[in-house]
Amino acid sequence: MKSKTNRVKKLDYVKQRVLLIRGHRVMLDSDLAELYGVSTKRLNEQVKRNKNRFPKDFMFQLTPAERKEVVAICDHLQKLKYSSWRIV
């Protein structure tokens, strides 16, 4: 059985990572991957491979302006500030 402390830590982690984008509460793929202990690449591969298991609006891609804003307000994403990134 998980300890109450671990559950509280995970809940705090999730609360800190939820963002309001386009009027929806969302988590970034990198934060979900960290929560589940997998790489972001692996998480995205599995979502693409199993599209039928997710609602159509489960995932969307940020615009360049949204990405810039998210990186600016989320300290844990500063490494993405200068990373190569493109819209697919």
Protein backbone atom coordinates (compact mmCIF):
# COMPACT_ATOMS: atom_id res chain seq x y z
CA MET A 1 0.00 0.00 0.00
CA LYS A 2 1.33 3.44 -0.91
CA SER A 3 2.01 5.76 1.94
CA LYS A 4 -0.12 8.85 2.43
CA THR A 5 2.99 11.00 1.99
CA ASN A 6 3.67 9.59 -1.49
CA ARG A 7 0.05 10.19 -2.55
CA VAL A 8 0.19 13.77 -1.31
CA LYS A 9 3.47 14.37 -3.16
CA LYS A 10 1.98 13.03 -6.42
CA LEU A 11 -1.16 15.12 -5.96
CA ASP A 12 0.96 18.22 -5.36
CA TYR A 13 3.02 17.40 -8.46
CA VAL A 14 -0.12 17.11 -10.60
CA LYS A 15 -1.63 20.32 -9.21
CA GLN A 16 1.56 22.22 -10.02
CA ARG A 17 1.64 20.90 -13.59
CA VAL A 18 -1.96 21.57 -14.63
CA LEU A 19 -2.22 24.56 -16.98
CA LEU A 20 -5.17 26.43 -18.44
CA ILE A 21 -4.77 26.55 -22.23
CA ARG A 22 -7.56 27.37 -24.69
CA GLY A 23 -10.02 27.21 -21.81
CA HIS A 24 -9.07 23.62 -20.91
CA ARG A 25 -7.12 22.28 -17.97
CA VAL A 26 -4.21 20.36 -19.47
CA MET A 27 -0.90 18.75 -18.68
CA LEU A 28 2.05 18.79 -21.05
CA ASP A 29 3.25 15.50 -22.48
CA SER A 30 6.61 15.91 -20.75
CA ASP A 31 4.92 16.27 -17.35
CA LEU A 32 2.65 13.26 -17.95
CA ALA A 33 5.65 11.20 -19.04
CA GLU A 34 7.52 12.15 -15.87
CA LEU A 35 4.49 11.28 -13.74
CA TYR A 36 4.31 7.80 -15.34
CA GLY A 37 8.09 7.29 -15.36
CA VAL A 38 8.51 7.03 -19.14
CA SER A 39 10.16 9.21 -21.75
CA THR A 40 8.10 11.84 -23.54
CA LYS A 41 8.91 10.15 -26.83
CA ARG A 42 7.57 6.81 -25.56
CA LEU A 43 4.38 8.40 -24.20
CA ASN A 44 3.66 10.08 -27.53
CA GLU A 45 4.40 6.87 -29.45
CA GLN A 46 1.90 4.95 -27.36
CA VAL A 47 -0.80 7.60 -27.71
CA LYS A 48 -0.35 7.63 -31.50
CA ARG A 49 -0.31 3.84 -31.64
CA ASN A 50 -3.49 3.56 -29.56
CA LYS A 51 -5.55 6.51 -30.83
CA ASN A 52 -8.78 4.55 -30.57
CA ARG A 53 -8.37 4.33 -26.78
CA PHE A 54 -8.40 8.10 -26.30
CA PRO A 55 -11.06 10.75 -26.90
CA LYS A 56 -10.51 12.77 -30.07
CA ASP A 57 -9.73 15.88 -28.02
CA PHE A 58 -7.30 14.09 -25.70
CA MET A 59 -4.26 15.74 -27.22
CA PHE A 60 -3.52 18.90 -29.15
CA GLN A 61 -0.36 20.69 -30.22
CA LEU A 62 0.58 24.11 -28.92
CA THR A 63 1.02 26.99 -31.33
CA PRO A 64 4.44 28.67 -31.29
CA ALA A 65 2.98 31.57 -29.27
CA GLU A 66 1.41 29.18 -26.72
CA ARG A 67 4.67 27.27 -26.42
CA LYS A 68 6.61 30.45 -25.79
CA GLU A 69 4.14 31.51 -23.09
CA VAL A 70 4.18 28.11 -21.38
CA VAL A 71 7.98 28.01 -21.33
CA ALA A 72 8.03 31.55 -19.89
CA ILE A 73 5.69 30.72 -16.99
CA CYS A 74 6.88 27.19 -16.15
CA ASP A 75 10.29 27.17 -14.49
CA HIS A 76 10.72 23.42 -15.00
CA LEU A 77 10.50 23.91 -18.80
CA GLN A 78 13.34 26.41 -19.18
CA LYS A 79 15.44 23.75 -20.93
CA LEU A 80 12.90 23.91 -23.80
CA LYS A 81 13.39 27.64 -24.30
CA TYR A 82 16.14 27.16 -26.90
CA SER A 83 15.38 23.61 -28.02
CA SER A 84 14.56 22.88 -31.62
CA TRP A 85 10.83 22.48 -32.05
CA ARG A 86 8.48 22.48 -34.97
CA ILE A 87 4.80 22.02 -35.66
CA VAL A 88 4.10 18.67 -37.30
